[in-house]
């Protein structure tokens, strides 16, 4: 009887200590997820709630607007995320070898990340504008004509990728810290054994910083699946438009090339007020993010086991 009462008190203490997390999980994850699933079976415009079964899910397979957004977002995930990680790793590796002026270069590469996304995007669109931008004009003087990045559908997604590489400071600073944390004694032992620079990088650096690479890749995928502000602002800035109160702007300029999945979700939910269909899009985004995260975790665990 005494032992049973002690176990009960222990369980109550554990629940008491876990209660802040349990309350937060219920309020900010479980309930919103359950409500999203519930409303996905209804036609809901904030005033009327009409049950329609699987109609919202069937409509997704015939919605060209959503499929265009899915293709663009997958392009950004497949191209932008690996380039951001590789470029950030290359910059970090370079900065570890620079003895003079290294601190200044770290600040220079990190500064674009500190600029608010809207201001950074407007500035970048202006700088690479073929008519007034100094970058395109500078290359034109030496005979190299750069594309009209944000007005040509072919070059819009590469332009957004360049914008992401310009603001690489967050990835660069995390990888730089992980590189500086690798014990120098490992490199000294490898050099004595005759390992060259590539072998040291492959056998020492990569396995040591693999958790940080995994973190950068997973967060990069999740951020890119939620890519919204930069694509919207770049489309508006390249058109010469400025949002005003009471006006709405159709995303995706030019010809749907900059349309991303979160923009479609925003358009359906908060411009067209198709909340039921927007809930379906939100669930698809959640499932895809979980799928990519699990795949990356499995791949990085396999990489760690090999080494």
C-alpha atoms as a PDB file:
ATOM      1  CA  UNK A   1       0.000   0.000   0.000  1.00  0.00           C
ATOM      2  CA  UNK A   2       2.837   2.351   0.903  1.00  0.00           C
ATOM      3  CA  UNK A   3       4.790   1.442  -2.254  1.00  0.00           C
ATOM      4  CA  UNK A   4       1.686   2.013  -4.397  1.00  0.00           C
ATOM      5  CA  UNK A   5       1.116   5.420  -2.858  1.00  0.00           C
ATOM      6  CA  UNK A   6       4.782   6.348  -3.434  1.00  0.00           C
ATOM      7  CA  UNK A   7       4.550   5.375  -7.124  1.00  0.00           C
ATOM      8  CA  UNK A   8       1.373   7.463  -7.483  1.00  0.00           C
ATOM      9  CA  UNK A   9       3.093  10.482  -5.914  1.00  0.00           C
ATOM     10  CA  UNK A  10       6.096   9.985  -8.181  1.00  0.00           C
ATOM     11  CA  UNK A  11       3.837   9.926 -11.268  1.00  0.00           C
ATOM     12  CA  UNK A  12       2.050  13.080 -10.116  1.00  0.00           C
ATOM     13  CA  UNK A  13       5.393  14.844  -9.618  1.00  0.00           C
ATOM     14  CA  UNK A  14       6.520  13.798 -13.102  1.00  0.00           C
ATOM     15  CA  UNK A  15       3.258  15.073 -14.601  1.00  0.00           C
ATOM     16  CA  UNK A  16       3.577  18.334 -12.652  1.00  0.00           C
ATOM     17  CA  UNK A  17       7.075  18.932 -14.016  1.00  0.00           C
ATOM     18  CA  UNK A  18       5.950  18.011 -17.550  1.00  0.00           C
ATOM     19  CA  UNK A  19       2.742  20.041 -17.421  1.00  0.00           C
ATOM     20  CA  UNK A  20       4.185  23.234 -19.046  1.00  0.00           C
ATOM     21  CA  UNK A  21       5.327  21.177 -22.046  1.00  0.00           C
ATOM     22  CA  UNK A  22       2.078  19.155 -22.165  1.00  0.00           C
ATOM     23  CA  UNK A  23      -0.054  22.329 -22.058  1.00  0.00           C
ATOM     24  CA  UNK A  24       2.068  23.988 -24.773  1.00  0.00           C
ATOM     25  CA  UNK A  25       1.976  20.856 -26.939  1.00  0.00           C
ATOM     26  CA  UNK A  26      -1.818  20.604 -26.615  1.00  0.00           C
ATOM     27  CA  UNK A  27      -2.467  24.303 -27.275  1.00  0.00           C
ATOM     28  CA  UNK A  28       0.042  25.027 -30.028  1.00  0.00           C
ATOM     29  CA  UNK A  29       0.366  21.689 -31.869  1.00  0.00           C
ATOM     30  CA  UNK A  30      -2.265  19.029 -31.087  1.00  0.00           C
ATOM     31  CA  UNK A  31      -5.325  21.303 -31.139  1.00  0.00           C
ATOM     32  CA  UNK A  32      -4.309  23.304 -34.288  1.00  0.00           C
ATOM     33  CA  UNK A  33      -3.473  20.035 -36.098  1.00  0.00           C
ATOM     34  CA  UNK A  34      -6.801  18.430 -35.094  1.00  0.00           C
ATOM     35  CA  UNK A  35      -8.713  21.591 -36.090  1.00  0.00           C
ATOM     36  CA  UNK A  36      -6.917  21.689 -39.476  1.00  0.00           C
ATOM     37  CA  UNK A  37      -7.878  18.074 -40.162  1.00  0.00           C
ATOM     38  CA  UNK A  38     -11.487  18.782 -39.071  1.00  0.00           C
ATOM     39  CA  UNK A  39     -11.950  21.887 -41.250  1.00  0.00           C
ATOM     40  CA  UNK A  40     -10.369  20.158 -44.276  1.00  0.00           C
ATOM     41  CA  UNK A  41     -13.621  18.174 -44.658  1.00  0.00           C
ATOM     42  CA  UNK A  42     -15.740  21.330 -44.792  1.00  0.00           C
ATOM     43  CA  UNK A  43     -16.403  24.303 -47.065  1.00  0.00           C
ATOM     44  CA  UNK A  44     -15.610  27.121 -44.655  1.00  0.00           C
ATOM     45  CA  UNK A  45     -15.493  30.844 -45.466  1.00  0.00           C
ATOM     46  CA  UNK A  46     -15.314  32.127 -41.863  1.00  0.00           C
ATOM     47  CA  UNK A  47     -19.126  32.502 -41.805  1.00  0.00           C
ATOM     48  CA  UNK A  48     -20.601  29.207 -43.068  1.00  0.00           C
ATOM     49  CA  UNK A  49     -19.465  25.672 -42.325  1.00  0.00           C
ATOM     50  CA  UNK A  50     -20.740  23.093 -44.829  1.00  0.00           C
ATOM     51  CA  UNK A  51     -19.634  19.424 -44.727  1.00  0.00           C
ATOM     52  CA  UNK A  52     -18.331  18.275 -48.144  1.00  0.00           C
ATOM     53  CA  UNK A  53     -16.374  15.094 -47.332  1.00  0.00           C
ATOM     54  CA  UNK A  54     -13.251  14.578 -49.464  1.00  0.00           C
ATOM     55  CA  UNK A  55     -14.082  17.257 -52.059  1.00  0.00           C
ATOM     56  CA  UNK A  56     -11.238  19.544 -50.946  1.00  0.00           C
ATOM     57  CA  UNK A  57      -8.745  16.656 -51.234  1.00  0.00           C
ATOM     58  CA  UNK A  58     -10.027  15.658 -54.713  1.00  0.00           C
ATOM     59  CA  UNK A  59      -9.844  19.295 -55.883  1.00  0.00           C
ATOM     60  CA  UNK A  60      -6.121  19.382 -55.017  1.00  0.00           C
ATOM     61  CA  UNK A  61      -5.378  16.829 -57.780  1.00  0.00           C
ATOM     62  CA  UNK A  62      -7.075  19.071 -60.382  1.00  0.00           C
ATOM     63  CA  UNK A  63      -5.750  22.448 -59.212  1.00  0.00           C
ATOM     64  CA  UNK A  64      -3.082  23.628 -61.722  1.00  0.00           C
ATOM     65  CA  UNK A  65      -2.315  26.632 -59.498  1.00  0.00           C
ATOM     66  CA  UNK A  66      -1.302  24.332 -56.620  1.00  0.00           C
ATOM     67  CA  UNK A  67       0.713  22.004 -58.857  1.00  0.00           C
ATOM     68  CA  UNK A  68       2.646  24.953 -60.295  1.00  0.00           C
ATOM     69  CA  UNK A  69       3.449  26.008 -56.733  1.00  0.00           C
ATOM     70  CA  UNK A  70       4.510  22.450 -55.805  1.00  0.00           C
ATOM     71  CA  UNK A  71       6.897  22.268 -58.799  1.00  0.00           C
ATOM     72  CA  UNK A  72       8.464  25.650 -57.967  1.00  0.00           C
ATOM     73  CA  UNK A  73       8.857  24.796 -54.273  1.00  0.00           C
ATOM     74  CA  UNK A  74      10.415  21.394 -55.037  1.00  0.00           C
ATOM     75  CA  UNK A  75      12.846  23.112 -57.457  1.00  0.00           C
ATOM     76  CA  UNK A  76      13.908  25.468 -54.668  1.00  0.00           C
ATOM     77  CA  UNK A  77      14.280  22.598 -52.166  1.00  0.00           C
ATOM     78  CA  UNK A  78      16.370  20.451 -54.532  1.00  0.00           C
ATOM     79  CA  UNK A  79      18.607  23.277 -55.834  1.00  0.00           C
ATOM     80  CA  UNK A  80      18.624  26.052 -53.233  1.00  0.00           C
ATOM     81  CA  UNK A  81      19.118  23.982 -50.054  1.00  0.00           C
ATOM     82  CA  UNK A  82      22.203  21.975 -51.207  1.00  0.00           C
ATOM     83  CA  UNK A  83      23.756  25.139 -52.701  1.00  0.00           C
ATOM     84  CA  UNK A  84      23.232  27.059 -49.449  1.00  0.00           C
ATOM     85  CA  UNK A  85      24.867  24.300 -47.387  1.00  0.00           C
ATOM     86  CA  UNK A  86      27.779  23.824 -49.833  1.00  0.00           C
ATOM     87  CA  UNK A  87      28.353  27.576 -50.267  1.00  0.00           C
ATOM     88  CA  UNK A  88      28.162  28.149 -46.518  1.00  0.00           C
ATOM     89  CA  UNK A  89      30.608  25.281 -45.897  1.00  0.00           C
ATOM     90  CA  UNK A  90      32.998  26.598 -48.556  1.00  0.00           C
ATOM     91  CA  UNK A  91      32.958  30.106 -47.092  1.00  0.00           C
ATOM     92  CA  UNK A  92      33.437  28.768 -43.549  1.00  0.00           C
ATOM     93  CA  UNK A  93      36.337  26.566 -44.673  1.00  0.00           C
ATOM     94  CA  UNK A  94      37.932  29.555 -46.425  1.00  0.00           C
ATOM     95  CA  UNK A  95      37.562  31.794 -43.369  1.00  0.00           C
ATOM     96  CA  UNK A  96      39.291  29.239 -41.120  1.00  0.00           C
ATOM     97  CA  UNK A  97      42.423  29.551 -43.294  1.00  0.00           C
ATOM     98  CA  UNK A  98      42.565  33.368 -43.519  1.00  0.00           C
ATOM     99  CA  UNK A  99      44.868  34.801 -40.869  1.00  0.00           C
ATOM    100  CA  UNK A 100      44.610  38.565 -41.560  1.00  0.00           C
ATOM    101  CA  UNK A 101      41.277  40.291 -41.930  1.00  0.00           C
ATOM    102  CA  UNK A 102      39.336  37.140 -41.070  1.00  0.00           C
ATOM    103  CA  UNK A 103      37.106  38.903 -38.515  1.00  0.00           C
ATOM    104  CA  UNK A 104      36.286  41.670 -41.018  1.00  0.00           C
ATOM    105  CA  UNK A 105      35.351  39.121 -43.711  1.00  0.00           C
ATOM    106  CA  UNK A 106      33.140  37.220 -41.243  1.00  0.00           C
ATOM    107  CA  UNK A 107      31.265  40.454 -40.513  1.00  0.00           C
ATOM    108  CA  UNK A 108      30.967  41.254 -44.244  1.00  0.00           C
ATOM    109  CA  UNK A 109      29.503  37.823 -45.088  1.00  0.00           C
ATOM    110  CA  UNK A 110      27.199  37.832 -42.050  1.00  0.00           C
ATOM    111  CA  UNK A 111      25.794  41.365 -42.489  1.00  0.00           C
ATOM    112  CA  UNK A 112      23.287  40.555 -45.326  1.00  0.00           C
ATOM    113  CA  UNK A 113      21.602  38.023 -43.010  1.00  0.00           C
ATOM    114  CA  UNK A 114      20.952  40.797 -40.465  1.00  0.00           C
ATOM    115  CA  UNK A 115      19.051  42.944 -42.975  1.00  0.00           C
ATOM    116  CA  UNK A 116      15.245  42.467 -42.760  1.00  0.00           C
ATOM    117  CA  UNK A 117      14.096  40.117 -45.588  1.00  0.00           C
ATOM    118  CA  UNK A 118      11.869  42.734 -47.257  1.00  0.00           C
ATOM    119  CA  UNK A 119      14.591  45.398 -47.363  1.00  0.00           C
ATOM    120  CA  UNK A 120      17.234  42.869 -48.453  1.00  0.00           C
ATOM    121  CA  UNK A 121      15.031  41.577 -51.283  1.00  0.00           C
ATOM    122  CA  UNK A 122      14.158  45.058 -52.579  1.00  0.00           C
ATOM    123  CA  UNK A 123      17.849  46.038 -52.510  1.00  0.00           C
ATOM    124  CA  UNK A 124      18.903  42.840 -54.307  1.00  0.00           C
ATOM    125  CA  UNK A 125      16.263  43.266 -57.041  1.00  0.00           C
ATOM    126  CA  UNK A 126      17.464  46.857 -57.556  1.00  0.00           C
ATOM    127  CA  UNK A 127      21.149  45.865 -57.682  1.00  0.00           C
ATOM    128  CA  UNK A 128      20.623  43.178 -60.368  1.00  0.00           C
ATOM    129  CA  UNK A 129      18.032  45.158 -62.367  1.00  0.00           C
ATOM    130  CA  UNK A 130      19.189  45.129 -66.024  1.00  0.00           C
ATOM    131  CA  UNK A 131      18.157  48.761 -66.545  1.00  0.00           C
ATOM    132  CA  UNK A 132      19.416  50.511 -63.418  1.00  0.00           C
ATOM    133  CA  UNK A 133      21.307  47.887 -61.406  1.00  0.00           C
ATOM    134  CA  UNK A 134      25.084  48.369 -61.052  1.00  0.00           C
ATOM    135  CA  UNK A 135      25.868  44.630 -61.224  1.00  0.00           C
ATOM    136  CA  UNK A 136      24.280  44.003 -64.622  1.00  0.00           C
ATOM    137  CA  UNK A 137      25.661  47.318 -65.970  1.00  0.00           C
ATOM    138  CA  UNK A 138      29.174  46.435 -64.759  1.00  0.00           C
ATOM    139  CA  UNK A 139      29.087  43.056 -66.504  1.00  0.00           C
ATOM    140  CA  UNK A 140      27.610  44.659 -69.645  1.00  0.00           C
ATOM    141  CA  UNK A 141      30.648  46.967 -69.910  1.00  0.00           C
ATOM    142  CA  UNK A 142      32.934  43.920 -70.230  1.00  0.00           C
ATOM    143  CA  UNK A 143      30.645  42.259 -72.773  1.00  0.00           C
ATOM    144  CA  UNK A 144      28.725  39.930 -70.444  1.00  0.00           C
ATOM    145  CA  UNK A 145      24.965  40.422 -70.514  1.00  0.00           C
ATOM    146  CA  UNK A 146      23.304  38.977 -67.427  1.00  0.00           C
ATOM    147  CA  UNK A 147      19.643  37.899 -67.622  1.00  0.00           C
ATOM    148  CA  UNK A 148      16.651  39.880 -66.460  1.00  0.00           C
ATOM    149  CA  UNK A 149      16.496  37.801 -63.283  1.00  0.00           C
ATOM    150  CA  UNK A 150      13.051  38.639 -61.894  1.00  0.00           C
ATOM    151  CA  UNK A 151      11.158  39.506 -65.094  1.00  0.00           C
ATOM    152  CA  UNK A 152      12.138  36.411 -67.109  1.00  0.00           C
ATOM    153  CA  UNK A 153      10.279  33.216 -66.004  1.00  0.00           C
ATOM    154  CA  UNK A 154      13.342  31.106 -66.892  1.00  0.00           C
ATOM    155  CA  UNK A 155      15.643  33.026 -64.549  1.00  0.00           C
ATOM    156  CA  UNK A 156      13.307  33.848 -61.651  1.00  0.00           C
ATOM    157  CA  UNK A 157      14.088  30.772 -59.530  1.00  0.00           C
ATOM    158  CA  UNK A 158      17.882  31.056 -60.159  1.00  0.00           C
ATOM    159  CA  UNK A 159      17.536  34.721 -59.149  1.00  0.00           C
ATOM    160  CA  UNK A 160      15.837  33.717 -55.896  1.00  0.00           C
ATOM    161  CA  UNK A 161      18.636  31.190 -55.332  1.00  0.00           C
ATOM    162  CA  UNK A 162      21.265  33.925 -55.776  1.00  0.00           C
ATOM    163  CA  UNK A 163      19.334  36.036 -53.280  1.00  0.00           C
ATOM    164  CA  UNK A 164      19.431  33.120 -50.793  1.00  0.00           C
ATOM    165  CA  UNK A 165      23.200  32.679 -51.317  1.00  0.00           C
ATOM    166  CA  UNK A 166      23.728  36.403 -50.705  1.00  0.00           C
ATOM    167  CA  UNK A 167      22.125  35.992 -47.262  1.00  0.00           C
ATOM    168  CA  UNK A 168      24.127  32.883 -46.371  1.00  0.00           C
ATOM    169  CA  UNK A 169      25.416  34.370 -43.091  1.00  0.00           C
ATOM    170  CA  UNK A 170      23.352  32.148 -40.775  1.00  0.00           C
ATOM    171  CA  UNK A 171      24.577  28.871 -42.303  1.00  0.00           C
ATOM    172  CA  UNK A 172      28.141  30.177 -42.660  1.00  0.00           C
ATOM    173  CA  UNK A 173      28.494  31.236 -39.017  1.00  0.00           C
ATOM    174  CA  UNK A 174      27.146  27.893 -37.669  1.00  0.00           C
ATOM    175  CA  UNK A 175      29.458  25.849 -39.894  1.00  0.00           C
ATOM    176  CA  UNK A 176      32.408  28.119 -39.079  1.00  0.00           C
ATOM    177  CA  UNK A 177      31.886  27.491 -35.358  1.00  0.00           C
ATOM    178  CA  UNK A 178      31.730  23.729 -35.951  1.00  0.00           C
ATOM    179  CA  UNK A 179      34.921  23.778 -38.075  1.00  0.00           C
ATOM    180  CA  UNK A 180      36.819  25.721 -35.412  1.00  0.00           C
ATOM    181  CA  UNK A 181      35.684  23.116 -32.867  1.00  0.00           C
ATOM    182  CA  UNK A 182      37.367  20.193 -34.677  1.00  0.00           C
ATOM    183  CA  UNK A 183      40.443  19.144 -32.577  1.00  0.00           C
ATOM    184  CA  UNK A 184      43.701  20.148 -34.296  1.00  0.00           C
ATOM    185  CA  UNK A 185      45.377  17.051 -32.868  1.00  0.00           C
ATOM    186  CA  UNK A 186      43.357  14.922 -35.318  1.00  0.00           C
ATOM    187  CA  UNK A 187      44.755  16.852 -38.302  1.00  0.00           C
ATOM    188  CA  UNK A 188      48.294  16.639 -36.902  1.00  0.00           C
ATOM    189  CA  UNK A 189      47.989  12.867 -36.452  1.00  0.00           C
ATOM    190  CA  UNK A 190      46.546  12.480 -39.977  1.00  0.00           C
ATOM    191  CA  UNK A 191      49.367  14.605 -41.459  1.00  0.00           C
ATOM    192  CA  UNK A 192      51.966  12.394 -39.748  1.00  0.00           C
ATOM    193  CA  UNK A 193      50.237   9.351 -41.309  1.00  0.00           C
ATOM    194  CA  UNK A 194      50.556  10.983 -44.738  1.00  0.00           C
ATOM    195  CA  UNK A 195      46.923  12.019 -45.316  1.00  0.00           C
ATOM    196  CA  UNK A 196      46.508  14.824 -47.857  1.00  0.00           C
ATOM    197  CA  UNK A 197      44.099  17.775 -47.525  1.00  0.00           C
ATOM    198  CA  UNK A 198      41.155  16.008 -49.213  1.00  0.00           C
ATOM    199  CA  UNK A 199      41.599  12.855 -47.104  1.00  0.00           C
ATOM    200  CA  UNK A 200      41.705  14.970 -43.921  1.00  0.00           C
ATOM    201  CA  UNK A 201      38.540  16.787 -44.995  1.00  0.00           C
ATOM    202  CA  UNK A 202      36.760  13.541 -45.944  1.00  0.00           C
ATOM    203  CA  UNK A 203      37.840  11.429 -42.949  1.00  0.00           C
ATOM    204  CA  UNK A 204      38.053  14.041 -40.164  1.00  0.00           C
ATOM    205  CA  UNK A 205      36.180  17.236 -40.966  1.00  0.00           C
ATOM    206  CA  UNK A 206      33.006  15.818 -42.507  1.00  0.00           C
ATOM    207  CA  UNK A 207      32.309  13.135 -39.841  1.00  0.00           C
ATOM    208  CA  UNK A 208      33.019  15.612 -37.038  1.00  0.00           C
ATOM    209  CA  UNK A 209      30.683  18.325 -38.324  1.00  0.00           C
ATOM    210  CA  UNK A 210      28.033  15.947 -39.727  1.00  0.00           C
ATOM    211  CA  UNK A 211      25.487  16.807 -36.950  1.00  0.00           C
ATOM    212  CA  UNK A 212      25.804  20.502 -37.862  1.00  0.00           C
ATOM    213  CA  UNK A 213      25.454  19.699 -41.565  1.00  0.00           C
ATOM    214  CA  UNK A 214      22.312  17.700 -40.740  1.00  0.00           C
ATOM    215  CA  UNK A 215      20.924  20.633 -38.742  1.00  0.00           C
ATOM    216  CA  UNK A 216      21.656  23.047 -41.625  1.00  0.00           C
ATOM    217  CA  UNK A 217      20.045  20.746 -44.193  1.00  0.00           C
ATOM    218  CA  UNK A 218      16.912  20.009 -42.150  1.00  0.00           C
ATOM    219  CA  UNK A 219      16.311  23.647 -41.179  1.00  0.00           C
ATOM    220  CA  UNK A 220      17.072  24.677 -44.780  1.00  0.00           C
ATOM    221  CA  UNK A 221      14.434  22.282 -46.144  1.00  0.00           C
ATOM    222  CA  UNK A 222      11.829  23.443 -43.628  1.00  0.00           C
ATOM    223  CA  UNK A 223      12.583  27.124 -44.323  1.00  0.00           C
ATOM    224  CA  UNK A 224      12.432  26.593 -48.093  1.00  0.00           C
ATOM    225  CA  UNK A 225       9.115  24.721 -47.872  1.00  0.00           C
ATOM    226  CA  UNK A 226       7.827  27.860 -46.098  1.00  0.00           C
ATOM    227  CA  UNK A 227       9.444  30.232 -48.644  1.00  0.00           C
ATOM    228  CA  UNK A 228       7.104  33.207 -48.919  1.00  0.00           C
ATOM    229  CA  UNK A 229       8.356  36.732 -48.200  1.00  0.00           C
ATOM    230  CA  UNK A 230      11.313  36.953 -50.574  1.00  0.00           C
ATOM    231  CA  UNK A 231       9.388  35.515 -53.550  1.00  0.00           C
ATOM    232  CA  UNK A 232       6.423  37.829 -52.949  1.00  0.00           C
ATOM    233  CA  UNK A 233       8.550  40.965 -52.467  1.00  0.00           C
ATOM    234  CA  UNK A 234      10.791  40.170 -55.458  1.00  0.00           C
ATOM    235  CA  UNK A 235       7.714  39.759 -57.681  1.00  0.00           C
ATOM    236  CA  UNK A 236       6.254  43.069 -56.534  1.00  0.00           C
ATOM    237  CA  UNK A 237       9.551  44.971 -56.672  1.00  0.00           C
ATOM    238  CA  UNK A 238      10.402  43.717 -60.166  1.00  0.00           C
ATOM    239  CA  UNK A 239       6.972  44.930 -61.356  1.00  0.00           C
ATOM    240  CA  UNK A 240       7.580  48.313 -59.751  1.00  0.00           C
ATOM    241  CA  UNK A 241       4.573  47.815 -57.482  1.00  0.00           C
ATOM    242  CA  UNK A 242       4.288  48.828 -53.850  1.00  0.00           C
ATOM    243  CA  UNK A 243       1.556  47.329 -51.699  1.00  0.00           C
ATOM    244  CA  UNK A 244      -0.993  49.762 -50.367  1.00  0.00           C
ATOM    245  CA  UNK A 245      -3.654  49.294 -47.712  1.00  0.00           C
ATOM    246  CA  UNK A 246      -6.774  47.629 -49.111  1.00  0.00           C
ATOM    247  CA  UNK A 247      -5.081  46.276 -52.231  1.00  0.00           C
ATOM    248  CA  UNK A 248      -4.321  42.635 -53.064  1.00  0.00           C
ATOM    249  CA  UNK A 249      -1.540  41.346 -55.288  1.00  0.00           C
ATOM    250  CA  UNK A 250      -1.662  38.040 -57.137  1.00  0.00           C
ATOM    251  CA  UNK A 251       1.550  36.110 -56.351  1.00  0.00           C
ATOM    252  CA  UNK A 252       3.705  34.285 -58.878  1.00  0.00           C
ATOM    253  CA  UNK A 253       5.016  37.026 -61.226  1.00  0.00           C
ATOM    254  CA  UNK A 254       6.192  36.393 -63.923  1.00  0.00           C
ATOM    255  CA  UNK A 255       3.912  33.652 -65.330  1.00  0.00           C
ATOM    256  CA  UNK A 256       3.781  31.763 -62.035  1.00  0.00           C
ATOM    257  CA  UNK A 257       7.578  31.309 -61.939  1.00  0.00           C
ATOM    258  CA  UNK A 258       7.894  32.712 -58.390  1.00  0.00           C
ATOM    259  CA  UNK A 259       4.724  31.084 -57.046  1.00  0.00           C
ATOM    260  CA  UNK A 260       5.520  28.966 -53.971  1.00  0.00           C
ATOM    261  CA  UNK A 261       3.325  26.589 -51.985  1.00  0.00           C
ATOM    262  CA  UNK A 262       2.904  28.892 -48.939  1.00  0.00           C
ATOM    263  CA  UNK A 263       1.796  31.675 -51.305  1.00  0.00           C
ATOM    264  CA  UNK A 264      -0.935  29.368 -52.664  1.00  0.00           C
ATOM    265  CA  UNK A 265      -1.989  28.520 -49.114  1.00  0.00           C
ATOM    266  CA  UNK A 266      -2.092  32.236 -48.212  1.00  0.00           C
ATOM    267  CA  UNK A 267      -4.055  33.097 -51.344  1.00  0.00           C
ATOM    268  CA  UNK A 268      -6.671  30.391 -50.751  1.00  0.00           C
ATOM    269  CA  UNK A 269      -7.028  31.042 -47.025  1.00  0.00           C
ATOM    270  CA  UNK A 270      -6.727  34.806 -46.633  1.00  0.00           C
ATOM    271  CA  UNK A 271      -7.555  36.252 -50.053  1.00  0.00           C
ATOM    272  CA  UNK A 272     -10.144  33.774 -51.423  1.00  0.00           C
ATOM    273  CA  UNK A 273     -11.329  32.671 -47.912  1.00  0.00           C
ATOM    274  CA  UNK A 274     -11.440  28.977 -48.922  1.00  0.00           C
ATOM    275  CA  UNK A 275     -10.390  27.917 -45.440  1.00  0.00           C
ATOM    276  CA  UNK A 276     -11.282  24.248 -45.932  1.00  0.00           C
ATOM    277  CA  UNK A 277      -9.067  23.930 -49.011  1.00  0.00           C
ATOM    278  CA  UNK A 278      -6.337  25.982 -47.305  1.00  0.00           C
ATOM    279  CA  UNK A 279      -6.393  23.416 -44.470  1.00  0.00           C
ATOM    280  CA  UNK A 280      -5.764  20.649 -47.033  1.00  0.00           C
ATOM    281  CA  UNK A 281      -2.771  22.600 -48.392  1.00  0.00           C
ATOM    282  CA  UNK A 282      -1.455  23.114 -44.845  1.00  0.00           C
ATOM    283  CA  UNK A 283      -1.701  19.374 -44.149  1.00  0.00           C
ATOM    284  CA  UNK A 284       0.174  18.586 -47.383  1.00  0.00           C
ATOM    285  CA  UNK A 285       2.919  21.042 -46.352  1.00  0.00           C
ATOM    286  CA  UNK A 286       3.160  19.408 -42.911  1.00  0.00           C
ATOM    287  CA  UNK A 287       3.386  15.867 -44.349  1.00  0.00           C
ATOM    288  CA  UNK A 288       6.014  16.854 -46.944  1.00  0.00           C
ATOM    289  CA  UNK A 289       8.132  18.627 -44.294  1.00  0.00           C
ATOM    290  CA  UNK A 290       7.978  15.557 -42.040  1.00  0.00           C
ATOM    291  CA  UNK A 291       8.865  13.279 -44.991  1.00  0.00           C
ATOM    292  CA  UNK A 292      11.958  15.294 -45.971  1.00  0.00           C
ATOM    293  CA  UNK A 293      13.062  15.557 -42.330  1.00  0.00           C
ATOM    294  CA  UNK A 294      12.835  11.786 -41.764  1.00  0.00           C
ATOM    295  CA  UNK A 295      14.652  11.030 -45.043  1.00  0.00           C
ATOM    296  CA  UNK A 296      17.496  13.417 -44.150  1.00  0.00           C
ATOM    297  CA  UNK A 297      17.782  11.981 -40.628  1.00  0.00           C
ATOM    298  CA  UNK A 298      18.044   8.434 -42.009  1.00  0.00           C
ATOM    299  CA  UNK A 299      20.654   9.465 -44.581  1.00  0.00           C
ATOM    300  CA  UNK A 300      22.807  11.247 -42.009  1.00  0.00           C
ATOM    301  CA  UNK A 301      22.557   8.328 -39.569  1.00  0.00           C
ATOM    302  CA  UNK A 302      23.682   5.982 -42.369  1.00  0.00           C
ATOM    303  CA  UNK A 303      26.564   8.381 -43.153  1.00  0.00           C
ATOM    304  CA  UNK A 304      27.632   8.348 -39.492  1.00  0.00           C
ATOM    305  CA  UNK A 305      27.455   4.550 -39.289  1.00  0.00           C
ATOM    306  CA  UNK A 306      29.683   4.206 -42.379  1.00  0.00           C
ATOM    307  CA  UNK A 307      32.388   6.224 -40.700  1.00  0.00           C
END
